[in-house]
mmCIF file of all heavy atoms, coordinates in Angstrom:
data_MODEL
# 
_entry.id   MODEL 
# 
loop_
_atom_site.group_PDB 
_atom_site.id 
_atom_site.type_symbol 
_atom_site.label_atom_id 
_atom_site.label_alt_id 
_atom_site.label_comp_id 
_atom_site.label_asym_id 
_atom_site.label_entity_id 
_atom_site.label_seq_id 
_atom_site.pdbx_PDB_ins_code 
_atom_site.Cartn_x 
_atom_site.Cartn_y 
_atom_site.Cartn_z 
_atom_site.occupancy 
_atom_site.B_iso_or_equiv 
_atom_site.pdbx_formal_charge 
_atom_site.auth_seq_id 
_atom_site.auth_comp_id 
_atom_site.auth_asym_id 
_atom_site.auth_atom_id 
_atom_site.pdbx_PDB_model_num 
ATOM 1   N N   . PHE A 1 1  ? -74.384 -11.670 28.844 1.00 0.00 ? 1  PHE A N   1 
ATOM 2   C CA  . PHE A 1 1  ? -73.657 -12.270 27.737 1.00 0.00 ? 1  PHE A CA  1 
ATOM 3   C C   . PHE A 1 1  ? -73.503 -11.296 26.558 1.00 0.00 ? 1  PHE A C   1 
ATOM 4   O O   . PHE A 1 1  ? -72.490 -11.309 25.850 1.00 0.00 ? 1  PHE A O   1 
ATOM 5   C CB  . PHE A 1 1  ? -74.327 -13.558 27.262 1.00 0.00 ? 1  PHE A CB  1 
ATOM 6   C CG  . PHE A 1 1  ? -73.418 -14.406 26.424 1.00 0.00 ? 1  PHE A CG  1 
ATOM 7   C CD1 . PHE A 1 1  ? -72.346 -15.093 26.982 1.00 0.00 ? 1  PHE A CD1 1 
ATOM 8   C CD2 . PHE A 1 1  ? -73.628 -14.518 25.044 1.00 0.00 ? 1  PHE A CD2 1 
ATOM 9   C CE1 . PHE A 1 1  ? -71.495 -15.852 26.197 1.00 0.00 ? 1  PHE A CE1 1 
ATOM 10  C CE2 . PHE A 1 1  ? -72.786 -15.285 24.256 1.00 0.00 ? 1  PHE A CE2 1 
ATOM 11  C CZ  . PHE A 1 1  ? -71.722 -15.959 24.830 1.00 0.00 ? 1  PHE A CZ  1 
ATOM 12  N N   . ARG A 1 2  ? -74.501 -10.446 26.343 1.00 0.00 ? 2  ARG A N   1 
ATOM 13  C CA  . ARG A 1 2  ? -74.362 -9.428  25.283 1.00 0.00 ? 2  ARG A CA  1 
ATOM 14  C C   . ARG A 1 2  ? -73.181 -8.518  25.554 1.00 0.00 ? 2  ARG A C   1 
ATOM 15  O O   . ARG A 1 2  ? -72.432 -8.167  24.630 1.00 0.00 ? 2  ARG A O   1 
ATOM 16  C CB  . ARG A 1 2  ? -75.651 -8.589  25.192 1.00 0.00 ? 2  ARG A CB  1 
ATOM 17  C CG  . ARG A 1 2  ? -76.790 -9.243  24.432 1.00 0.00 ? 2  ARG A CG  1 
ATOM 18  C CD  . ARG A 1 2  ? -78.017 -8.349  24.472 1.00 0.00 ? 2  ARG A CD  1 
ATOM 19  N NE  . ARG A 1 2  ? -79.091 -8.867  23.658 1.00 0.00 ? 2  ARG A NE  1 
ATOM 20  C CZ  . ARG A 1 2  ? -79.268 -8.584  22.395 1.00 0.00 ? 2  ARG A CZ  1 
ATOM 21  N NH1 . ARG A 1 2  ? -78.423 -7.786  21.774 1.00 0.00 ? 2  ARG A NH1 1 
ATOM 22  N NH2 . ARG A 1 2  ? -80.275 -9.096  21.717 1.00 0.00 ? 2  ARG A NH2 1 
ATOM 23  N N   . SER A 1 3  ? -73.023 -8.111  26.802 1.00 0.00 ? 3  SER A N   1 
ATOM 24  C CA  . SER A 1 3  ? -71.896 -7.237  27.148 1.00 0.00 ? 3  SER A CA  1 
ATOM 25  C C   . SER A 1 3  ? -70.575 -7.974  26.985 1.00 0.00 ? 3  SER A C   1 
ATOM 26  O O   . SER A 1 3  ? -69.587 -7.390  26.515 1.00 0.00 ? 3  SER A O   1 
ATOM 27  C CB  . SER A 1 3  ? -72.046 -6.747  28.582 1.00 0.00 ? 3  SER A CB  1 
ATOM 28  O OG  . SER A 1 3  ? -73.203 -5.946  28.737 1.00 0.00 ? 3  SER A OG  1 
ATOM 29  N N   . ILE A 1 4  ? -70.553 -9.254  27.356 1.00 0.00 ? 4  ILE A N   1 
ATOM 30  C CA  . ILE A 1 4  ? -69.344 -10.072 27.161 1.00 0.00 ? 4  ILE A CA  1 
ATOM 31  C C   . ILE A 1 4  ? -68.967 -10.097 25.693 1.00 0.00 ? 4  ILE A C   1 
ATOM 32  O O   . ILE A 1 4  ? -67.803 -9.926  25.322 1.00 0.00 ? 4  ILE A O   1 
ATOM 33  C CB  . ILE A 1 4  ? -69.591 -11.500 27.693 1.00 0.00 ? 4  ILE A CB  1 
ATOM 34  C CG1 . ILE A 1 4  ? -69.574 -11.502 29.231 1.00 0.00 ? 4  ILE A CG1 1 
ATOM 35  C CG2 . ILE A 1 4  ? -68.542 -12.464 27.157 1.00 0.00 ? 4  ILE A CG2 1 
ATOM 36  C CD1 . ILE A 1 4  ? -68.225 -11.326 29.875 1.00 0.00 ? 4  ILE A CD1 1 
ATOM 37  N N   . CYS A 1 5  ? -69.981 -10.260 24.822 1.00 0.00 ? 5  CYS A N   1 
ATOM 38  C CA  . CYS A 1 5  ? -69.722 -10.263 23.389 1.00 0.00 ? 5  CYS A CA  1 
ATOM 39  C C   . CYS A 1 5  ? -69.207 -8.912  22.903 1.00 0.00 ? 5  CYS A C   1 
ATOM 40  O O   . CYS A 1 5  ? -68.302 -8.826  22.063 1.00 0.00 ? 5  CYS A O   1 
ATOM 41  C CB  . CYS A 1 5  ? -70.989 -10.662 22.627 1.00 0.00 ? 5  CYS A CB  1 
ATOM 42  S SG  . CYS A 1 5  ? -71.461 -12.394 22.801 1.00 0.00 ? 5  CYS A SG  1 
ATOM 43  N N   . SER A 1 6  ? -69.798 -7.853  23.410 1.00 0.00 ? 6  SER A N   1 
ATOM 44  C CA  . SER A 1 6  ? -69.389 -6.503  22.979 1.00 0.00 ? 6  SER A CA  1 
ATOM 45  C C   . SER A 1 6  ? -67.949 -6.225  23.378 1.00 0.00 ? 6  SER A C   1 
ATOM 46  O O   . SER A 1 6  ? -67.245 -5.463  22.713 1.00 0.00 ? 6  SER A O   1 
ATOM 47  C CB  . SER A 1 6  ? -70.317 -5.452  23.567 1.00 0.00 ? 6  SER A CB  1 
ATOM 48  O OG  . SER A 1 6  ? -70.083 -5.241  24.948 1.00 0.00 ? 6  SER A OG  1 
ATOM 49  N N   . LEU A 1 7  ? -67.484 -6.851  24.449 1.00 0.00 ? 7  LEU A N   1 
ATOM 50  C CA  . LEU A 1 7  ? -66.105 -6.701  24.894 1.00 0.00 ? 7  LEU A CA  1 
ATOM 51  C C   . LEU A 1 7  ? -65.168 -7.694  24.226 1.00 0.00 ? 7  LEU A C   1 
ATOM 52  O O   . LEU A 1 7  ? -63.957 -7.660  24.465 1.00 0.00 ? 7  LEU A O   1 
ATOM 53  C CB  . LEU A 1 7  ? -66.027 -6.866  26.408 1.00 0.00 ? 7  LEU A CB  1 
ATOM 54  C CG  . LEU A 1 7  ? -66.743 -5.817  27.257 1.00 0.00 ? 7  LEU A CG  1 
ATOM 55  C CD1 . LEU A 1 7  ? -66.779 -6.232  28.732 1.00 0.00 ? 7  LEU A CD1 1 
ATOM 56  C CD2 . LEU A 1 7  ? -66.059 -4.456  27.111 1.00 0.00 ? 7  LEU A CD2 1 
ATOM 57  N N   . GLY A 1 8  ? -65.716 -8.591  23.435 1.00 0.00 ? 8  GLY A N   1 
ATOM 58  C CA  . GLY A 1 8  ? -64.895 -9.586  22.758 1.00 0.00 ? 8  GLY A CA  1 
ATOM 59  C C   . GLY A 1 8  ? -64.356 -10.660 23.700 1.00 0.00 ? 8  GLY A C   1 
ATOM 60  O O   . GLY A 1 8  ? -63.301 -11.260 23.439 1.00 0.00 ? 8  GLY A O   1 
ATOM 61  N N   . GLU A 1 9  ? -65.090 -10.928 24.794 1.00 0.00 ? 9  GLU A N   1 
ATOM 62  C CA  . GLU A 1 9  ? -64.602 -11.866 25.822 1.00 0.00 ? 9  GLU A CA  1 
ATOM 63  C C   . GLU A 1 9  ? -65.320 -13.199 25.834 1.00 0.00 ? 9  GLU A C   1 
ATOM 64  O O   . GLU A 1 9  ? -65.096 -14.019 26.730 1.00 0.00 ? 9  GLU A O   1 
ATOM 65  C CB  . GLU A 1 9  ? -64.732 -11.200 27.208 1.00 0.00 ? 9  GLU A CB  1 
ATOM 66  C CG  . GLU A 1 9  ? -63.876 -9.982  27.388 1.00 0.00 ? 9  GLU A CG  1 
ATOM 67  C CD  . GLU A 1 9  ? -64.137 -9.265  28.710 1.00 0.00 ? 9  GLU A CD  1 
ATOM 68  O OE1 . GLU A 1 9  ? -64.937 -9.788  29.499 1.00 0.00 ? 9  GLU A OE1 1 
ATOM 69  O OE2 . GLU A 1 9  ? -63.547 -8.215  28.948 1.00 0.00 ? 9  GLU A OE2 1 
ATOM 70  N N   . GLU A 1 10 ? -66.210 -13.434 24.833 1.00 0.00 ? 10 GLU A N   1 
ATOM 71  C CA  . GLU A 1 10 ? -67.021 -14.652 24.924 1.00 0.00 ? 10 GLU A CA  1 
ATOM 72  C C   . GLU A 1 10 ? -66.187 -15.931 24.868 1.00 0.00 ? 10 GLU A C   1 
ATOM 73  O O   . GLU A 1 10 ? -66.474 -16.897 25.591 1.00 0.00 ? 10 GLU A O   1 
ATOM 74  C CB  . GLU A 1 10 ? -68.098 -14.663 23.843 1.00 0.00 ? 10 GLU A CB  1 
ATOM 75  C CG  . GLU A 1 10 ? -67.606 -14.674 22.416 1.00 0.00 ? 10 GLU A CG  1 
ATOM 76  C CD  . GLU A 1 10 ? -67.386 -13.296 21.843 1.00 0.00 ? 10 GLU A CD  1 
ATOM 77  O OE1 . GLU A 1 10 ? -67.182 -12.337 22.641 1.00 0.00 ? 10 GLU A OE1 1 
ATOM 78  O OE2 . GLU A 1 10 ? -67.404 -13.165 20.606 1.00 0.00 ? 10 GLU A OE2 1 
ATOM 79  N N   . ALA A 1 11 ? -65.142 -15.955 24.051 1.00 0.00 ? 11 ALA A N   1 
ATOM 80  C CA  . ALA A 1 11 ? -64.302 -17.165 23.964 1.00 0.00 ? 11 ALA A CA  1 
ATOM 81  C C   . ALA A 1 11 ? -63.581 -17.401 25.297 1.00 0.00 ? 11 ALA A C   1 
ATOM 82  O O   . ALA A 1 11 ? -63.469 -18.532 25.770 1.00 0.00 ? 11 ALA A O   1 
ATOM 83  C CB  . ALA A 1 11 ? -63.297 -17.046 22.834 1.00 0.00 ? 11 ALA A CB  1 
ATOM 84  N N   . HIS A 1 12 ? -63.112 -16.322 25.886 1.00 0.00 ? 12 HIS A N   1 
ATOM 85  C CA  . HIS A 1 12 ? -62.414 -16.439 27.182 1.00 0.00 ? 12 HIS A CA  1 
ATOM 86  C C   . HIS A 1 12 ? -63.393 -16.907 28.275 1.00 0.00 ? 12 HIS A C   1 
ATOM 87  O O   . HIS A 1 12 ? -63.053 -17.802 29.060 1.00 0.00 ? 12 HIS A O   1 
ATOM 88  C CB  . HIS A 1 12 ? -61.805 -15.113 27.574 1.00 0.00 ? 12 HIS A CB  1 
ATOM 89  C CG  . HIS A 1 12 ? -61.072 -15.131 28.862 1.00 0.00 ? 12 HIS A CG  1 
ATOM 90  N ND1 . HIS A 1 12 ? -59.814 -15.662 28.990 1.00 0.00 ? 12 HIS A ND1 1 
ATOM 91  C CD2 . HIS A 1 12 ? -61.432 -14.751 30.120 1.00 0.00 ? 12 HIS A CD2 1 
ATOM 92  C CE1 . HIS A 1 12 ? -59.422 -15.584 30.245 1.00 0.00 ? 12 HIS A CE1 1 
ATOM 93  N NE2 . HIS A 1 12 ? -60.394 -15.046 30.956 1.00 0.00 ? 12 HIS A NE2 1 
ATOM 94  N N   . LEU A 1 13 ? -64.574 -16.335 28.306 1.00 0.00 ? 13 LEU A N   1 
ATOM 95  C CA  . LEU A 1 13 ? -65.587 -16.761 29.289 1.00 0.00 ? 13 LEU A CA  1 
ATOM 96  C C   . LEU A 1 13 ? -65.897 -18.247 29.110 1.00 0.00 ? 13 LEU A C   1 
ATOM 97  O O   . LEU A 1 13 ? -65.923 -18.995 30.093 1.00 0.00 ? 13 LEU A O   1 
ATOM 98  C CB  . LEU A 1 13 ? -66.869 -15.940 29.107 1.00 0.00 ? 13 LEU A CB  1 
ATOM 99  C CG  . LEU A 1 13 ? -68.105 -16.436 29.871 1.00 0.00 ? 13 LEU A CG  1 
ATOM 100 C CD1 . LEU A 1 13 ? -67.881 -16.356 31.380 1.00 0.00 ? 13 LEU A CD1 1 
ATOM 101 C CD2 . LEU A 1 13 ? -69.326 -15.635 29.454 1.00 0.00 ? 13 LEU A CD2 1 
ATOM 102 N N   . ASN A 1 14 ? -66.142 -18.667 27.878 1.00 0.00 ? 14 ASN A N   1 
ATOM 103 C CA  . ASN A 1 14 ? -66.486 -20.049 27.637 1.00 0.00 ? 14 ASN A CA  1 
ATOM 104 C C   . ASN A 1 14 ? -65.361 -21.010 28.050 1.00 0.00 ? 14 ASN A C   1 
ATOM 105 O O   . ASN A 1 14 ? -65.612 -22.077 28.611 1.00 0.00 ? 14 ASN A O   1 
ATOM 106 C CB  . ASN A 1 14 ? -66.829 -20.269 26.149 1.00 0.00 ? 14 ASN A CB  1 
ATOM 107 C CG  . ASN A 1 14 ? -68.147 -19.646 25.767 1.00 0.00 ? 14 ASN A CG  1 
ATOM 108 O OD1 . ASN A 1 14 ? -69.010 -19.399 26.605 1.00 0.00 ? 14 ASN A OD1 1 
ATOM 109 N ND2 . ASN A 1 14 ? -68.307 -19.354 24.479 1.00 0.00 ? 14 ASN A ND2 1 
ATOM 110 N N   . THR A 1 15 ? -64.126 -20.624 27.774 1.00 0.00 ? 15 THR A N   1 
ATOM 111 C CA  . THR A 1 15 ? -62.989 -21.474 28.143 1.00 0.00 ? 15 THR A CA  1 
ATOM 112 C C   . THR A 1 15 ? -62.853 -21.575 29.650 1.00 0.00 ? 15 THR A C   1 
ATOM 113 O O   . THR A 1 15 ? -62.636 -22.669 30.202 1.00 0.00 ? 15 THR A O   1 
ATOM 114 C CB  . THR A 1 15 ? -61.679 -20.935 27.536 1.00 0.00 ? 15 THR A CB  1 
ATOM 115 O OG1 . THR A 1 15 ? -61.809 -20.864 26.121 1.00 0.00 ? 15 THR A OG1 1 
ATOM 116 C CG2 . THR A 1 15 ? -60.495 -21.824 27.887 1.00 0.00 ? 15 THR A CG2 1 
ATOM 117 N N   . CYS A 1 16 ? -62.991 -20.441 30.342 1.00 0.00 ? 16 CYS A N   1 
ATOM 118 C CA  . CYS A 1 16 ? -62.903 -20.458 31.806 1.00 0.00 ? 16 CYS A CA  1 
ATOM 119 C C   . CYS A 1 16 ? -64.015 -21.307 32.425 1.00 0.00 ? 16 CYS A C   1 
ATOM 120 O O   . CYS A 1 16 ? -63.783 -22.103 33.338 1.00 0.00 ? 16 CYS A O   1 
ATOM 121 C CB  . CYS A 1 16 ? -62.997 -19.029 32.354 1.00 0.00 ? 16 CYS A CB  1 
ATOM 122 S SG  . CYS A 1 16 ? -61.510 -18.026 32.082 1.00 0.00 ? 16 CYS A SG  1 
ATOM 123 N N   . PHE A 1 17 ? -65.230 -21.155 31.886 1.00 0.00 ? 17 PHE A N   1 
ATOM 124 C CA  . PHE A 1 17 ? -66.350 -21.904 32.440 1.00 0.00 ? 17 PHE A CA  1 
ATOM 125 C C   . PHE A 1 17 ? -66.212 -23.396 32.144 1.00 0.00 ? 17 PHE A C   1 
ATOM 126 O O   . PHE A 1 17 ? -66.527 -24.251 32.986 1.00 0.00 ? 17 PHE A O   1 
ATOM 127 C CB  . PHE A 1 17 ? -67.673 -21.376 31.892 1.00 0.00 ? 17 PHE A CB  1 
ATOM 128 C CG  . PHE A 1 17 ? -68.873 -22.076 32.448 1.00 0.00 ? 17 PHE A CG  1 
ATOM 129 C CD1 . PHE A 1 17 ? -69.164 -22.018 33.811 1.00 0.00 ? 17 PHE A CD1 1 
ATOM 130 C CD2 . PHE A 1 17 ? -69.717 -22.806 31.632 1.00 0.00 ? 17 PHE A CD2 1 
ATOM 131 C CE1 . PHE A 1 17 ? -70.270 -22.661 34.347 1.00 0.00 ? 17 PHE A CE1 1 
ATOM 132 C CE2 . PHE A 1 17 ? -70.824 -23.462 32.151 1.00 0.00 ? 17 PHE A CE2 1 
ATOM 133 C CZ  . PHE A 1 17 ? -71.093 -23.397 33.507 1.00 0.00 ? 17 PHE A CZ  1 
ATOM 134 N N   . LYS A 1 18 ? -65.760 -23.727 30.952 1.00 0.00 ? 18 LYS A N   1 
ATOM 135 C CA  . LYS A 1 18 ? -65.557 -25.132 30.607 1.00 0.00 ? 18 LYS A CA  1 
ATOM 136 C C   . LYS A 1 18 ? -64.515 -25.764 31.531 1.00 0.00 ? 18 LYS A C   1 
ATOM 137 O O   . LYS A 1 18 ? -64.716 -26.877 32.035 1.00 0.00 ? 18 LYS A O   1 
ATOM 138 C CB  . LYS A 1 18 ? -65.111 -25.250 29.145 1.00 0.00 ? 18 LYS A CB  1 
ATOM 139 C CG  . LYS A 1 18 ? -64.989 -26.671 28.642 1.00 0.00 ? 18 LYS A CG  1 
ATOM 140 C CD  . LYS A 1 18 ? -64.687 -26.677 27.145 1.00 0.00 ? 18 LYS A CD  1 
ATOM 141 C CE  . LYS A 1 18 ? -64.656 -28.100 26.589 1.00 0.00 ? 18 LYS A CE  1 
ATOM 142 N NZ  . LYS A 1 18 ? -64.409 -28.112 25.141 1.00 0.00 ? 18 LYS A NZ  1 
ATOM 143 N N   . HIS A 1 19 ? -63.421 -25.085 31.776 1.00 0.00 ? 19 HIS A N   1 
ATOM 144 C CA  . HIS A 1 19 ? -62.400 -25.568 32.718 1.00 0.00 ? 19 HIS A CA  1 
ATOM 145 C C   . HIS A 1 19 ? -63.002 -25.741 34.110 1.00 0.00 ? 19 HIS A C   1 
ATOM 146 O O   . HIS A 1 19 ? -62.796 -26.770 34.781 1.00 0.00 ? 19 HIS A O   1 
ATOM 147 C CB  . HIS A 1 19 ? -61.244 -24.567 32.727 1.00 0.00 ? 19 HIS A CB  1 
ATOM 148 C CG  . HIS A 1 19 ? -60.088 -24.985 33.565 1.00 0.00 ? 19 HIS A CG  1 
ATOM 149 N ND1 . HIS A 1 19 ? -59.134 -24.072 33.993 1.00 0.00 ? 19 HIS A ND1 1 
ATOM 150 C CD2 . HIS A 1 19 ? -59.724 -26.181 34.100 1.00 0.00 ? 19 HIS A CD2 1 
ATOM 151 C CE1 . HIS A 1 19 ? -58.240 -24.710 34.721 1.00 0.00 ? 19 HIS A CE1 1 
ATOM 152 N NE2 . HIS A 1 19 ? -58.571 -25.975 34.818 1.00 0.00 ? 19 HIS A NE2 1 
ATOM 153 N N   . PHE A 1 20 ? -63.755 -24.746 34.546 1.00 0.00 ? 20 PHE A N   1 
ATOM 154 C CA  . PHE A 1 20 ? -64.411 -24.792 35.856 1.00 0.00 ? 20 PHE A CA  1 
ATOM 155 C C   . PHE A 1 20 ? -65.328 -26.007 35.953 1.00 0.00 ? 20 PHE A C   1 
ATOM 156 O O   . PHE A 1 20 ? -65.327 -26.718 36.971 1.00 0.00 ? 20 PHE A O   1 
ATOM 157 C CB  . PHE A 1 20 ? -65.210 -23.500 36.051 1.00 0.00 ? 20 PHE A CB  1 
ATOM 158 C CG  . PHE A 1 20 ? -65.989 -23.410 37.333 1.00 0.00 ? 20 PHE A CG  1 
ATOM 159 C CD1 . PHE A 1 20 ? -65.400 -22.927 38.496 1.00 0.00 ? 20 PHE A CD1 1 
ATOM 160 C CD2 . PHE A 1 20 ? -67.322 -23.787 37.387 1.00 0.00 ? 20 PHE A CD2 1 
ATOM 161 C CE1 . PHE A 1 20 ? -66.135 -22.843 39.680 1.00 0.00 ? 20 PHE A CE1 1 
ATOM 162 C CE2 . PHE A 1 20 ? -68.062 -23.698 38.566 1.00 0.00 ? 20 PHE A CE2 1 
ATOM 163 C CZ  . PHE A 1 20 ? -67.458 -23.241 39.718 1.00 0.00 ? 20 PHE A CZ  1 
ATOM 164 N N   . MET A 1 21 ? -66.097 -26.270 34.933 1.00 0.00 ? 21 MET A N   1 
ATOM 165 C CA  . MET A 1 21 ? -67.051 -27.383 34.984 1.00 0.00 ? 21 MET A CA  1 
ATOM 166 C C   . MET A 1 21 ? -66.352 -28.734 34.920 1.00 0.00 ? 21 MET A C   1 
ATOM 167 O O   . MET A 1 21 ? -66.776 -29.688 35.579 1.00 0.00 ? 21 MET A O   1 
ATOM 168 C CB  . MET A 1 21 ? -68.099 -27.271 33.860 1.00 0.00 ? 21 MET A CB  1 
ATOM 169 C CG  . MET A 1 21 ? -69.153 -26.212 34.125 1.00 0.00 ? 21 MET A CG  1 
ATOM 170 S SD  . MET A 1 21 ? -69.930 -26.350 35.785 1.00 0.00 ? 21 MET A SD  1 
ATOM 171 C CE  . MET A 1 21 ? -70.433 -28.079 35.801 1.00 0.00 ? 21 MET A CE  1 
ATOM 172 N N   . TYR A 1 22 ? -65.311 -28.850 34.123 1.00 0.00 ? 22 TYR A N   1 
ATOM 173 C CA  . TYR A 1 22 ? -64.559 -30.126 34.116 1.00 0.00 ? 22 TYR A CA  1 
ATOM 174 C C   . TYR A 1 22 ? -64.009 -30.431 35.507 1.00 0.00 ? 22 TYR A C   1 
ATOM 175 O O   . TYR A 1 22 ? -64.076 -31.571 35.978 1.00 0.00 ? 22 TYR A O   1 
ATOM 176 C CB  . TYR A 1 22 ? -63.409 -30.054 33.099 1.00 0.00 ? 22 TYR A CB  1 
ATOM 177 C CG  . TYR A 1 22 ? -63.768 -30.518 31.721 1.00 0.00 ? 22 TYR A CG  1 
ATOM 178 C CD1 . TYR A 1 22 ? -63.663 -29.674 30.627 1.00 0.00 ? 22 TYR A CD1 1 
ATOM 179 C CD2 . TYR A 1 22 ? -64.209 -31.821 31.484 1.00 0.00 ? 22 TYR A CD2 1 
ATOM 180 C CE1 . TYR A 1 22 ? -63.989 -30.101 29.337 1.00 0.00 ? 22 TYR A CE1 1 
ATOM 181 C CE2 . TYR A 1 22 ? -64.537 -32.265 30.209 1.00 0.00 ? 22 TYR A CE2 1 
ATOM 182 C CZ  . TYR A 1 22 ? -64.420 -31.388 29.152 1.00 0.00 ? 22 TYR A CZ  1 
ATOM 183 O OH  . TYR A 1 22 ? -64.754 -31.825 27.871 1.00 0.00 ? 22 TYR A OH  1 
ATOM 184 N N   . PHE A 1 23 ? -63.470 -29.421 36.170 1.00 0.00 ? 23 PHE A N   1 
ATOM 185 C CA  . PHE A 1 23 ? -62.931 -29.629 37.500 1.00 0.00 ? 23 PHE A CA  1 
ATOM 186 C C   . PHE A 1 23 ? -64.046 -29.955 38.473 1.00 0.00 ? 23 PHE A C   1 
ATOM 187 O O   . PHE A 1 23 ? -63.913 -30.844 39.324 1.00 0.00 ? 23 PHE A O   1 
ATOM 188 C CB  . PHE A 1 23 ? -62.163 -28.376 37.946 1.00 0.00 ? 23 PHE A CB  1 
ATOM 189 C CG  . PHE A 1 23 ? -61.305 -28.609 39.160 1.00 0.00 ? 23 PHE A CG  1 
ATOM 190 C CD1 . PHE A 1 23 ? -59.994 -29.081 39.022 1.00 0.00 ? 23 PHE A CD1 1 
ATOM 191 C CD2 . PHE A 1 23 ? -61.768 -28.357 40.453 1.00 0.00 ? 23 PHE A CD2 1 
ATOM 192 C CE1 . PHE A 1 23 ? -59.200 -29.291 40.139 1.00 0.00 ? 23 PHE A CE1 1 
ATOM 193 C CE2 . PHE A 1 23 ? -60.965 -28.575 41.557 1.00 0.00 ? 23 PHE A CE2 1 
ATOM 194 C CZ  . PHE A 1 23 ? -59.684 -29.045 41.399 1.00 0.00 ? 23 PHE A CZ  1 
ATOM 195 N N   . THR A 1 24 ? -65.132 -29.217 38.382 1.00 0.00 ? 24 THR A N   1 
ATOM 196 C CA  . THR A 1 24 ? -66.283 -29.438 39.264 1.00 0.00 ? 24 THR A CA  1 
ATOM 197 C C   . THR A 1 24 ? -66.787 -30.879 39.152 1.00 0.00 ? 24 THR A C   1 
ATOM 198 O O   . THR A 1 24 ? -67.053 -31.541 40.159 1.00 0.00 ? 24 THR A O   1 
ATOM 199 C CB  . THR A 1 24 ? -67.416 -28.461 38.894 1.00 0.00 ? 24 THR A CB  1 
ATOM 200 O OG1 . THR A 1 24 ? -66.983 -27.121 39.198 1.00 0.00 ? 24 THR A OG1 1 
ATOM 201 C CG2 . THR A 1 24 ? -68.680 -28.749 39.688 1.00 0.00 ? 24 THR A CG2 1 
ATOM 202 N N   . GLN A 1 25 ? -66.911 -31.367 37.938 1.00 0.00 ? 25 GLN A N   1 
ATOM 203 C CA  . GLN A 1 25 ? -67.419 -32.712 37.735 1.00 0.00 ? 25 GLN A CA  1 
ATOM 204 C C   . GLN A 1 25 ? -66.412 -33.771 38.164 1.00 0.00 ? 25 GLN A C   1 
ATOM 205 O O   . GLN A 1 25 ? -66.782 -34.809 38.708 1.00 0.00 ? 25 GLN A O   1 
ATOM 206 C CB  . GLN A 1 25 ? -67.800 -32.908 36.266 1.00 0.00 ? 25 GLN A CB  1 
ATOM 207 C CG  . GLN A 1 25 ? -69.010 -32.072 35.834 1.00 0.00 ? 25 GLN A CG  1 
ATOM 208 C CD  . GLN A 1 25 ? -69.461 -32.352 34.430 1.00 0.00 ? 25 GLN A CD  1 
ATOM 209 O OE1 . GLN A 1 25 ? -68.740 -32.970 33.651 1.00 0.00 ? 25 GLN A OE1 1 
ATOM 210 N NE2 . GLN A 1 25 ? -70.654 -31.881 34.081 1.00 0.00 ? 25 GLN A NE2 1 
ATOM 211 N N   . ALA A 1 26 ? -65.131 -33.494 37.929 1.00 0.00 ? 26 ALA A N   1 
ATOM 212 C CA  . ALA A 1 26 ? -64.095 -34.473 38.287 1.00 0.00 ? 26 ALA A CA  1 
ATOM 213 C C   . ALA A 1 26 ? -64.076 -34.765 39.796 1.00 0.00 ? 26 ALA A C   1 
ATOM 214 O O   . ALA A 1 26 ? -63.791 -35.889 40.220 1.00 0.00 ? 26 ALA A O   1 
ATOM 215 C CB  . ALA A 1 26 ? -62.734 -33.983 37.838 1.00 0.00 ? 26 ALA A CB  1 
# 
C-alpha cells in the first residue's frame, strides 16, 4: 500500500476493490 500511495494510485485501487467487493457480495 505504501508503494500504491507513492504512485498516486490509492484512490484507483480503492475504487476497483470496492467495485469488486460489491459484485462479489451481490
